[in-house]
Amino acid sequence: MDSLLYLSTVYWSFWAVALLMIASNATAVVLNLFMLPGNWLMVCVLACWAWLSSSPSGPGWWIVVATALLALLGEVLETLLGSAAASRKGATRRAMLLSLLASMVGSLLGTALLPIPVLGTIIGAIAGAAGGAFAGAWLGEAWAGTDREKRVEIGAAAMKGRLIGMAAKLGVGLLIFGLQLLSFFV
């Protein structure tokens, strides 16, 4: 009877910790919308699981390596797609750098400006990042002496690129999350 109780305790403990990990990684996926390293947080949580868990089920080291590569891909996509659209319109490096920095600040400010719990925070972060990308590119081009019409065109391209880059990184984060879930059942 004691061995049955022990097995029952181990089983429920495993799933309690697994659900905690899944919840933390779900939160990490949302962090991607705030231009925070949510994908890398998921990789760290999965590495902790692989290191501390003695269970044959759940994520192992091959999942950690695969998700680390995916997280790297997400960062590359976000950075390249964020500035590629502006670059195609002829943006200066200064405008692209200011666009990146302003989108980070805009994301945080947008979060604070829409005090509606959860949905307002997410919408604020996305709108703030897009607006920040536009403003940063516009200011960078103004600093370079570009005419007004071209600044608006480059700013709009930077905003569009930032949104596409954020969507790509979020997509990679969802893939990492799905891979983690799948590892518990395969």
N, C-alpha and C. Protein backbone atom coordinates (compact mmCIF):
# COMPACT_ATOMS: atom_id res chain seq x y z
N MET A 1 0.82 -1.20 0.00
CA MET A 1 0.00 0.00 0.00
C MET A 1 0.87 1.26 0.00
N ASP A 2 1.98 1.22 0.74
CA ASP A 2 2.86 2.38 0.77
C ASP A 2 3.47 2.67 -0.59
N SER A 3 3.80 1.62 -1.35
CA SER A 3 4.38 1.85 -2.68
C SER A 3 3.34 2.46 -3.62
N LEU A 4 2.09 2.07 -3.47
CA LEU A 4 1.03 2.67 -4.28
C LEU A 4 0.85 4.15 -3.97
N LEU A 5 0.91 4.50 -2.69
CA LEU A 5 0.82 5.90 -2.28
C LEU A 5 2.01 6.69 -2.81
N TYR A 6 3.20 6.08 -2.74
CA TYR A 6 4.40 6.73 -3.25
C TYR A 6 4.27 7.00 -4.76
N LEU A 7 3.85 6.00 -5.51
CA LEU A 7 3.68 6.18 -6.96
C LEU A 7 2.65 7.23 -7.28
N SER A 8 1.57 7.25 -6.53
CA SER A 8 0.54 8.26 -6.73
C SER A 8 1.08 9.66 -6.46
N THR A 9 1.86 9.81 -5.41
CA THR A 9 2.45 11.10 -5.06
C THR A 9 3.43 11.55 -6.13
N VAL A 10 4.26 10.63 -6.61
CA VAL A 10 5.22 10.96 -7.66
C VAL A 10 4.49 11.39 -8.94
N TYR A 11 3.45 10.66 -9.30
CA TYR A 11 2.67 10.98 -10.50
C TYR A 11 2.08 12.38 -10.41
N TRP A 12 1.42 12.69 -9.32
CA TRP A 12 0.80 14.01 -9.18
C TRP A 12 1.83 15.11 -9.04
N SER A 13 2.96 14.82 -8.41
CA SER A 13 4.02 15.82 -8.29
C SER A 13 4.59 16.15 -9.67
N PHE A 14 4.78 15.11 -10.48
CA PHE A 14 5.29 15.31 -11.84
C PHE A 14 4.37 16.25 -12.61
N TRP A 15 3.07 15.97 -12.60
CA TRP A 15 2.14 16.78 -13.38
C TRP A 15 1.94 18.17 -12.77
N ALA A 16 2.07 18.30 -11.47
CA ALA A 16 1.97 19.64 -10.85
C ALA A 16 3.12 20.52 -11.31
N VAL A 17 4.33 19.96 -11.30
CA VAL A 17 5.50 20.73 -11.75
C VAL A 17 5.41 20.97 -13.26
N ALA A 18 4.94 19.99 -14.01
CA ALA A 18 4.78 20.15 -15.46
C ALA A 18 3.79 21.28 -15.77
N LEU A 19 2.68 21.31 -15.06
CA LEU A 19 1.69 22.38 -15.29
C LEU A 19 2.25 23.75 -14.91
N LEU A 20 3.06 23.81 -13.88
CA LEU A 20 3.71 25.06 -13.49
C LEU A 20 4.66 25.52 -14.60
N MET A 21 5.41 24.58 -15.16
CA MET A 21 6.32 24.92 -16.26
C MET A 21 5.54 25.37 -17.48
N ILE A 22 4.46 24.69 -17.80
CA ILE A 22 3.64 25.06 -18.96
C ILE A 22 3.03 26.45 -18.76
N ALA A 23 2.58 26.75 -17.56
CA ALA A 23 2.01 28.08 -17.28
C ALA A 23 3.08 29.16 -17.39
N SER A 24 4.27 28.89 -16.89
CA SER A 24 5.34 29.91 -16.99
C SER A 24 5.74 30.11 -18.44
N ASN A 25 5.76 29.05 -19.22
CA ASN A 25 6.11 29.20 -20.63
C ASN A 25 5.00 29.87 -21.43
N ALA A 26 3.74 29.68 -21.03
CA ALA A 26 2.65 30.41 -21.68
C ALA A 26 2.80 31.91 -21.43
N THR A 27 3.19 32.26 -20.22
CA THR A 27 3.46 33.67 -19.89
C THR A 27 4.63 34.19 -20.72
N ALA A 28 5.65 33.35 -20.89
CA ALA A 28 6.83 33.75 -21.67
C ALA A 28 6.47 34.03 -23.13
N VAL A 29 5.52 33.28 -23.68
CA VAL A 29 5.08 33.54 -25.06
C VAL A 29 4.52 34.96 -25.15
N VAL A 30 3.73 35.37 -24.17
CA VAL A 30 3.14 36.70 -24.18
C VAL A 30 4.22 37.78 -24.04
N LEU A 31 5.31 37.48 -23.33
CA LEU A 31 6.39 38.47 -23.18
C LEU A 31 6.98 38.88 -24.52
N ASN A 32 6.87 38.02 -25.52
CA ASN A 32 7.38 38.38 -26.85
C ASN A 32 6.68 39.61 -27.40
N LEU A 33 5.42 39.82 -27.03
CA LEU A 33 4.68 40.99 -27.51
C LEU A 33 5.23 42.29 -26.92
N PHE A 34 5.97 42.19 -25.83
CA PHE A 34 6.55 43.37 -25.17
C PHE A 34 8.02 43.55 -25.56
N MET A 35 8.43 42.84 -26.60
CA MET A 35 9.82 42.87 -27.07
C MET A 35 10.78 42.41 -25.98
N LEU A 36 10.32 41.52 -25.12
CA LEU A 36 11.15 40.92 -24.09
C LEU A 36 11.54 39.51 -24.53
N PRO A 37 12.58 38.95 -23.94
CA PRO A 37 13.08 37.65 -24.41
C PRO A 37 12.27 36.46 -23.91
N GLY A 38 11.00 36.40 -24.28
CA GLY A 38 10.14 35.30 -23.85
C GLY A 38 10.60 33.95 -24.35
N ASN A 39 11.08 33.90 -25.60
CA ASN A 39 11.55 32.63 -26.14
C ASN A 39 12.75 32.11 -25.36
N TRP A 40 13.64 33.00 -24.98
CA TRP A 40 14.82 32.58 -24.21
C TRP A 40 14.43 32.15 -22.81
N LEU A 41 13.42 32.78 -22.25
CA LEU A 41 12.93 32.35 -20.95
C LEU A 41 12.38 30.92 -21.03
N MET A 42 11.66 30.62 -22.10
CA MET A 42 11.17 29.25 -22.28
C MET A 42 12.32 28.25 -22.39
N VAL A 43 13.36 28.62 -23.12
CA VAL A 43 14.53 27.74 -23.24
C VAL A 43 15.14 27.49 -21.86
N CYS A 44 15.26 28.53 -21.05
CA CYS A 44 15.83 28.38 -19.70
C CYS A 44 14.96 27.47 -18.82
N VAL A 45 13.65 27.66 -18.89
CA VAL A 45 12.75 26.81 -18.10
C VAL A 45 12.85 25.36 -18.56
N LEU A 46 12.92 25.14 -19.86
CA LEU A 46 13.05 23.78 -20.37
C LEU A 46 14.39 23.17 -19.98
N ALA A 47 15.45 23.97 -19.97
CA ALA A 47 16.76 23.47 -19.55
C ALA A 47 16.74 23.08 -18.08
N CYS A 48 16.07 23.86 -17.26
CA CYS A 48 15.94 23.51 -15.83
C CYS A 48 15.20 22.19 -15.67
N TRP A 49 14.13 22.02 -16.44
CA TRP A 49 13.37 20.77 -16.38
C TRP A 49 14.28 19.59 -16.76
N ALA A 50 14.99 19.73 -17.89
CA ALA A 50 15.84 18.64 -18.36
C ALA A 50 16.94 18.31 -17.37
N TRP A 51 17.44 19.32 -16.70
CA TRP A 51 18.53 19.14 -15.74
C TRP A 51 18.04 18.51 -14.44
N LEU A 52 16.89 18.97 -13.96
CA LEU A 52 16.40 18.54 -12.65
C LEU A 52 15.50 17.31 -12.69
N SER A 53 14.88 17.05 -13.82
CA SER A 53 13.91 15.96 -13.89
C SER A 53 14.61 14.63 -14.17
N SER A 54 14.20 13.62 -13.46
CA SER A 54 14.72 12.28 -13.73
C SER A 54 13.70 11.45 -14.48
N SER A 55 12.62 12.06 -14.88
CA SER A 55 11.54 11.36 -15.57
C SER A 55 11.88 11.19 -17.05
N PRO A 56 11.55 10.01 -17.61
CA PRO A 56 11.79 9.83 -19.04
C PRO A 56 10.80 10.61 -19.91
N SER A 57 9.66 11.05 -19.34
CA SER A 57 8.74 11.85 -20.14
C SER A 57 8.98 13.32 -19.91
N GLY A 58 8.49 14.09 -20.83
CA GLY A 58 8.70 15.53 -20.75
C GLY A 58 9.90 15.93 -21.57
N PRO A 59 10.19 17.20 -21.60
CA PRO A 59 11.29 17.71 -22.43
C PRO A 59 12.65 17.20 -21.96
N GLY A 60 13.44 16.77 -22.91
CA GLY A 60 14.81 16.36 -22.64
C GLY A 60 15.78 17.35 -23.26
N TRP A 61 17.04 16.97 -23.28
CA TRP A 61 18.06 17.89 -23.80
C TRP A 61 17.92 18.16 -25.29
N TRP A 62 17.39 17.19 -26.05
CA TRP A 62 17.23 17.46 -27.48
C TRP A 62 16.18 18.54 -27.70
N ILE A 63 15.17 18.61 -26.83
CA ILE A 63 14.16 19.67 -26.92
C ILE A 63 14.80 21.01 -26.57
N VAL A 64 15.67 21.01 -25.56
CA VAL A 64 16.34 22.25 -25.16
C VAL A 64 17.19 22.79 -26.31
N VAL A 65 17.94 21.92 -26.97
CA VAL A 65 18.78 22.35 -28.09
C VAL A 65 17.91 22.85 -29.25
N ALA A 66 16.85 22.10 -29.55
CA ALA A 66 15.96 22.51 -30.65
C ALA A 66 15.30 23.86 -30.35
N THR A 67 14.85 24.05 -29.11
CA THR A 67 14.19 25.32 -28.78
C THR A 67 15.19 26.48 -28.72
N ALA A 68 16.43 26.19 -28.34
CA ALA A 68 17.45 27.25 -28.35
C ALA A 68 17.71 27.71 -29.79
N LEU A 69 17.77 26.77 -30.71
CA LEU A 69 17.95 27.13 -32.12
C LEU A 69 16.74 27.91 -32.65
N LEU A 70 15.55 27.48 -32.24
CA LEU A 70 14.35 28.22 -32.65
C LEU A 70 14.32 29.62 -32.05
N ALA A 71 14.72 29.76 -30.79
CA ALA A 71 14.76 31.08 -30.16
C ALA A 71 15.73 32.01 -30.89
N LEU A 72 16.86 31.47 -31.29
CA LEU A 72 17.84 32.25 -32.05
C LEU A 72 17.23 32.68 -33.40
N LEU A 73 16.54 31.75 -34.04
CA LEU A 73 15.86 32.08 -35.30
C LEU A 73 14.83 33.19 -35.08
N GLY A 74 14.09 33.13 -33.98
CA GLY A 74 13.09 34.17 -33.69
C GLY A 74 13.72 35.54 -33.53
N GLU A 75 14.87 35.61 -32.84
CA GLU A 75 15.56 36.89 -32.67
C GLU A 75 16.06 37.44 -34.01
N VAL A 76 16.62 36.55 -34.82
CA VAL A 76 17.13 36.97 -36.14
C VAL A 76 15.98 37.49 -37.00
N LEU A 77 14.87 36.73 -37.02
CA LEU A 77 13.71 37.17 -37.80
C LEU A 77 13.17 38.51 -37.33
N GLU A 78 13.05 38.67 -36.02
CA GLU A 78 12.50 39.93 -35.50
C GLU A 78 13.39 41.11 -35.89
N THR A 79 14.71 40.93 -35.75
CA THR A 79 15.64 42.02 -36.06
C THR A 79 15.68 42.32 -37.56
N LEU A 80 15.82 41.27 -38.36
CA LEU A 80 15.93 41.49 -39.80
C LEU A 80 14.64 42.00 -40.42
N LEU A 81 13.52 41.38 -40.05
CA LEU A 81 12.25 41.83 -40.62
C LEU A 81 11.88 43.23 -40.14
N GLY A 82 12.29 43.56 -38.91
CA GLY A 82 11.98 44.87 -38.37
C GLY A 82 12.65 46.00 -39.13
N SER A 83 13.85 45.74 -39.64
CA SER A 83 14.55 46.82 -40.33
C SER A 83 14.59 46.63 -41.85
N ALA A 84 14.23 45.45 -42.34
CA ALA A 84 14.32 45.19 -43.78
C ALA A 84 13.37 46.08 -44.58
N ALA A 85 12.16 46.25 -44.08
CA ALA A 85 11.19 47.06 -44.82
C ALA A 85 11.66 48.51 -44.93
N ALA A 86 12.19 49.04 -43.83
CA ALA A 86 12.68 50.42 -43.85
C ALA A 86 13.92 50.54 -44.73
N SER A 87 14.76 49.53 -44.69
CA SER A 87 15.97 49.54 -45.50
C SER A 87 15.62 49.55 -46.99
N ARG A 88 14.61 48.78 -47.37
CA ARG A 88 14.18 48.77 -48.78
C ARG A 88 13.69 50.13 -49.24
N LYS A 89 13.19 50.94 -48.32
CA LYS A 89 12.72 52.29 -48.67
C LYS A 89 13.85 53.31 -48.63
N GLY A 90 15.06 52.85 -48.27
CA GLY A 90 16.21 53.75 -48.27
C GLY A 90 16.54 54.36 -46.92
N ALA A 91 16.14 53.74 -45.85
CA ALA A 91 16.40 54.28 -44.51
C ALA A 91 17.89 54.26 -44.19
N THR A 92 18.31 55.24 -43.43
CA THR A 92 19.69 55.28 -42.97
C THR A 92 19.85 54.30 -41.80
N ARG A 93 21.09 53.95 -41.50
CA ARG A 93 21.34 53.07 -40.34
C ARG A 93 20.89 53.73 -39.05
N ARG A 94 21.08 55.03 -38.98
CA ARG A 94 20.65 55.77 -37.79
C ARG A 94 19.14 55.64 -37.60
N ALA A 95 18.39 55.76 -38.68
CA ALA A 95 16.93 55.64 -38.60
C ALA A 95 16.52 54.24 -38.17
N MET A 96 17.21 53.22 -38.69
CA MET A 96 16.87 51.85 -38.33
C MET A 96 17.20 51.57 -36.86
N LEU A 97 18.31 52.09 -36.38
CA LEU A 97 18.68 51.91 -34.97
C LEU A 97 17.72 52.65 -34.05
N LEU A 98 17.41 53.90 -34.40
CA LEU A 98 16.44 54.66 -33.59
C LEU A 98 15.06 54.02 -33.63
N SER A 99 14.72 53.43 -34.76
CA SER A 99 13.44 52.73 -34.87
C SER A 99 13.38 51.55 -33.90
N LEU A 100 14.45 50.79 -33.83
CA LEU A 100 14.51 49.65 -32.91
C LEU A 100 14.42 50.10 -31.46
N LEU A 101 15.20 51.10 -31.10
CA LEU A 101 15.19 51.60 -29.72
C LEU A 101 13.85 52.22 -29.34
N ALA A 102 13.31 53.03 -30.25
CA ALA A 102 12.03 53.68 -29.96
C ALA A 102 10.88 52.67 -29.89
N SER A 103 10.98 51.59 -30.64
CA SER A 103 9.92 50.58 -30.57
C SER A 103 9.96 49.86 -29.24
N MET A 104 11.14 49.66 -28.67
CA MET A 104 11.24 49.06 -27.33
C MET A 104 10.60 49.97 -26.28
N VAL A 105 10.97 51.23 -26.34
CA VAL A 105 10.41 52.20 -25.40
C VAL A 105 8.91 52.35 -25.62
N GLY A 106 8.49 52.41 -26.87
CA GLY A 106 7.07 52.53 -27.20
C GLY A 106 6.26 51.35 -26.69
N SER A 107 6.83 50.18 -26.77
CA SER A 107 6.14 48.99 -26.27
C SER A 107 5.87 49.10 -24.78
N LEU A 108 6.87 49.55 -24.03
CA LEU A 108 6.69 49.70 -22.58
C LEU A 108 5.72 50.83 -22.25
N LEU A 109 5.83 51.94 -22.97
CA LEU A 109 4.91 53.06 -22.73
C LEU A 109 3.48 52.70 -23.12
N GLY A 110 3.33 51.99 -24.24
CA GLY A 110 2.00 51.57 -24.67
C GLY A 110 1.34 50.67 -23.65
N THR A 111 2.12 49.85 -23.01
CA THR A 111 1.60 48.98 -21.96
C THR A 111 1.06 49.80 -20.81
N ALA A 112 1.78 50.84 -20.44
CA ALA A 112 1.39 51.66 -19.30
C ALA A 112 0.19 52.57 -19.63
N LEU A 113 0.05 52.95 -20.88
CA LEU A 113 -0.99 53.91 -21.25
C LEU A 113 -2.38 53.32 -21.40
N LEU A 114 -2.46 52.01 -21.61
CA LEU A 114 -3.77 51.36 -21.73
C LEU A 114 -4.00 50.51 -20.49
N PRO A 115 -4.64 51.07 -19.47
CA PRO A 115 -4.75 50.38 -18.19
C PRO A 115 -5.81 49.28 -18.13
N ILE A 116 -6.25 48.79 -19.27
CA ILE A 116 -7.22 47.69 -19.30
C ILE A 116 -6.43 46.40 -19.06
N PRO A 117 -6.79 45.63 -18.06
CA PRO A 117 -6.02 44.41 -17.77
C PRO A 117 -5.94 43.46 -18.97
N VAL A 118 -4.82 42.85 -19.13
CA VAL A 118 -4.47 41.85 -20.13
C VAL A 118 -4.63 42.36 -21.57
N LEU A 119 -5.84 42.49 -22.07
CA LEU A 119 -6.04 42.88 -23.46
C LEU A 119 -5.49 44.28 -23.75
N GLY A 120 -5.74 45.23 -22.86
CA GLY A 120 -5.21 46.58 -23.02
C GLY A 120 -3.69 46.59 -22.99
N THR A 121 -3.13 45.76 -22.14
CA THR A 121 -1.68 45.66 -22.03
C THR A 121 -1.08 45.15 -23.33
N ILE A 122 -1.68 44.11 -23.89
CA ILE A 122 -1.16 43.53 -25.13
C ILE A 122 -1.33 44.50 -26.29
N ILE A 123 -2.52 45.08 -26.42
CA ILE A 123 -2.77 46.05 -27.50
C ILE A 123 -1.84 47.26 -27.36
N GLY A 124 -1.68 47.73 -26.12
CA GLY A 124 -0.79 48.86 -25.88
C GLY A 124 0.65 48.56 -26.25
N ALA A 125 1.10 47.35 -25.93
CA ALA A 125 2.48 46.97 -26.26
C ALA A 125 2.69 46.91 -27.77
N ILE A 126 1.74 46.33 -28.47
CA ILE A 126 1.87 46.21 -29.93
C ILE A 126 1.78 47.58 -30.60
N ALA A 127 0.79 48.38 -30.20
CA ALA A 127 0.63 49.73 -30.78
C ALA A 127 1.82 50.61 -30.41
N GLY A 128 2.30 50.49 -29.18
CA GLY A 128 3.45 51.28 -28.76
C GLY A 128 4.71 50.92 -29.53
N ALA A 129 4.91 49.63 -29.77
CA ALA A 129 6.09 49.20 -30.54
C ALA A 129 6.00 49.70 -31.98
N ALA A 130 4.81 49.60 -32.57
CA ALA A 130 4.64 50.06 -33.95
C ALA A 130 4.83 51.58 -34.04
N GLY A 131 4.19 52.30 -33.12
CA GLY A 131 4.34 53.76 -33.10
C GLY A 131 5.76 54.19 -32.82
N GLY A 132 6.42 53.48 -31.93
CA GLY A 132 7.82 53.79 -31.62
C GLY A 132 8.72 53.55 -32.82
N ALA A 133 8.46 52.47 -33.56
CA ALA A 133 9.25 52.19 -34.76
C ALA A 133 9.09 53.32 -35.78
N PHE A 134 7.84 53.75 -35.95
CA PHE A 134 7.59 54.86 -36.88
C PHE A 134 8.32 56.12 -36.42
N ALA A 135 8.14 56.47 -35.15
CA ALA A 135 8.74 57.70 -34.61
C ALA A 135 10.27 57.67 -34.68
N GLY A 136 10.85 56.51 -34.33
CA GLY A 136 12.31 56.40 -34.35
C GLY A 136 12.86 56.56 -35.76
N ALA A 137 12.24 55.89 -36.72
CA ALA A 137 12.70 56.01 -38.10
C ALA A 137 12.50 57.43 -38.62
N TRP A 138 11.37 58.03 -38.29
CA TRP A 138 11.08 59.39 -38.72
C TRP A 138 12.13 60.36 -38.16
N LEU A 139 12.42 60.22 -36.86
CA LEU A 139 13.43 61.09 -36.23
C LEU A 139 14.82 60.87 -36.82
N GLY A 140 15.16 59.59 -37.05
CA GLY A 140 16.47 59.30 -37.64
C GLY A 140 16.63 59.92 -39.01
N GLU A 141 15.58 59.88 -39.80
CA GLU A 141 15.63 60.48 -41.13
C GLU A 141 15.60 62.00 -41.06
N ALA A 142 14.88 62.55 -40.08
CA ALA A 142 14.87 64.01 -39.90
C ALA A 142 16.28 64.48 -39.53
N TRP A 143 16.94 63.72 -38.67
CA TRP A 143 18.30 64.03 -38.25
C TRP A 143 19.24 64.01 -39.46
N ALA A 144 18.99 63.11 -40.40
CA ALA A 144 19.82 63.00 -41.60
C ALA A 144 19.46 64.05 -42.66
N GLY A 145 18.34 64.78 -42.44
CA GLY A 145 17.96 65.83 -43.38
C GLY A 145 17.08 65.35 -44.52
N THR A 146 16.47 64.21 -44.37
CA THR A 146 15.58 63.67 -45.41
C THR A 146 14.29 64.49 -45.46
N ASP A 147 13.74 64.64 -46.67
CA ASP A 147 12.51 65.45 -46.78
C ASP A 147 11.34 64.74 -46.09
N ARG A 148 10.32 65.53 -45.77
CA ARG A 148 9.21 65.06 -44.94
C ARG A 148 8.47 63.87 -45.54
N GLU A 149 8.19 63.92 -46.82
CA GLU A 149 7.44 62.84 -47.46
C GLU A 149 8.20 61.51 -47.38
N LYS A 150 9.49 61.57 -47.60
CA LYS A 150 10.33 60.36 -47.53
C LYS A 150 10.41 59.85 -46.09
N ARG A 151 10.47 60.76 -45.12
CA ARG A 151 10.49 60.35 -43.69
C ARG A 151 9.24 59.56 -43.33
N VAL A 152 8.09 60.05 -43.79
CA VAL A 152 6.82 59.36 -43.51
C VAL A 152 6.81 57.98 -44.17
N GLU A 153 7.29 57.90 -45.38
CA GLU A 153 7.34 56.62 -46.10
C GLU A 153 8.25 55.63 -45.37
N ILE A 154 9.41 56.08 -44.95
CA ILE A 154 10.36 55.21 -44.23
C ILE A 154 9.80 54.84 -42.86
N GLY A 155 9.18 55.80 -42.18
CA GLY A 155 8.58 55.51 -40.88
C GLY A 155 7.47 54.47 -40.98
N ALA A 156 6.63 54.58 -42.01
CA ALA A 156 5.56 53.60 -42.22
C ALA A 156 6.14 52.21 -42.52
N ALA A 157 7.22 52.19 -43.28
CA ALA A 157 7.86 50.90 -43.59
C ALA A 157 8.48 50.30 -42.32
N ALA A 158 9.07 51.14 -41.49
CA ALA A 158 9.64 50.64 -40.23
C ALA A 158 8.56 50.09 -39.32
N MET A 159 7.42 50.77 -39.28
CA MET A 159 6.30 50.31 -38.46
C MET A 159 5.78 48.96 -38.97
N LYS A 160 5.62 48.85 -40.26
CA LYS A 160 5.15 47.59 -40.85
C LYS A 160 6.16 46.47 -40.59
N GLY A 161 7.43 46.76 -40.76
CA GLY A 161 8.47 45.77 -40.52
C GLY A 161 8.52 45.32 -39.07
N ARG A 162 8.31 46.26 -38.15
CA ARG A 162 8.31 45.91 -36.73
C ARG A 162 7.16 44.96 -36.41
N LEU A 163 6.00 45.24 -36.95
CA LEU A 163 4.83 44.38 -36.72
C LEU A 163 5.05 42.98 -37.31
N ILE A 164 5.63 42.92 -38.49
CA ILE A 164 5.91 41.62 -39.11
C ILE A 164 6.97 40.87 -38.30
N GLY A 165 7.99 41.59 -37.85
CA GLY A 165 9.04 40.97 -37.04
C GLY A 165 8.50 40.44 -35.71
N MET A 166 7.63 41.22 -35.07
CA MET A 166 7.02 40.76 -33.82
C MET A 166 6.15 39.53 -34.05
N ALA A 167 5.42 39.52 -35.16
CA ALA A 167 4.57 38.37 -35.47
C ALA A 167 5.42 37.12 -35.73
N ALA A 168 6.55 37.30 -36.41
CA ALA A 168 7.44 36.16 -36.68
C ALA A 168 8.01 35.61 -35.37
N LYS A 169 8.44 36.49 -34.48
CA LYS A 169 8.99 36.04 -33.21
C LYS A 169 7.91 35.37 -32.35
N LEU A 170 6.71 35.91 -32.38
CA LEU A 170 5.61 35.30 -31.65
C LEU A 170 5.29 33.91 -32.23
N GLY A 171 5.33 33.80 -33.55
CA GLY A 171 5.11 32.50 -34.19
C GLY A 171 6.14 31.47 -33.76
N VAL A 172 7.39 31.89 -33.69
CA VAL A 172 8.45 30.99 -33.22
C VAL A 172 8.20 30.62 -31.76
N GLY A 173 7.77 31.59 -30.95
CA GLY A 173 7.46 31.31 -29.55
C GLY A 173 6.33 30.29 -29.41
N LEU A 174 5.32 30.41 -30.25
CA LEU A 174 4.23 29.44 -30.23
C LEU A 174 4.71 28.05 -30.66
N LEU A 175 5.64 28.01 -31.60
CA LEU A 175 6.22 26.74 -32.03
C LEU A 175 7.01 26.10 -30.87
N ILE A 176 7.79 26.90 -30.16
CA ILE A 176 8.54 26.40 -29.00
C ILE A 176 7.57 25.87 -27.96
N PHE A 177 6.51 26.62 -27.70
CA PHE A 177 5.51 26.20 -26.71
C PHE A 177 4.86 24.88 -27.12
N GLY A 178 4.50 24.77 -28.40
CA GLY A 178 3.90 23.54 -28.89
C GLY A 178 4.84 22.36 -28.82
N LEU A 179 6.11 22.58 -29.12
CA LEU A 179 7.12 21.53 -29.04
C LEU A 179 7.26 21.03 -27.61
N GLN A 180 7.22 21.96 -26.66
CA GLN A 180 7.28 21.59 -25.25
C GLN A 180 6.08 20.73 -24.87
N LEU A 181 4.89 21.14 -25.28
CA LEU A 181 3.68 20.37 -24.96
C LEU A 181 3.74 18.97 -25.57
N LEU A 182 4.16 18.92 -26.82
CA LEU A 182 4.24 17.65 -27.51
C LEU A 182 5.21 16.69 -26.82
N SER A 183 6.28 17.23 -26.25
CA SER A 183 7.29 16.38 -25.60
C SER A 183 6.75 15.63 -24.39
N PHE A 184 5.67 16.09 -23.80
CA PHE A 184 5.09 15.39 -22.65
C PHE A 184 4.30 14.15 -23.08
N PHE A 185 3.89 14.10 -24.34
CA PHE A 185 3.02 13.03 -24.77
C PHE A 185 3.65 12.10 -25.81
N VAL A 186 4.86 12.38 -26.21
CA VAL A 186 5.54 11.54 -27.21
C VAL A 186 6.65 10.76 -26.55
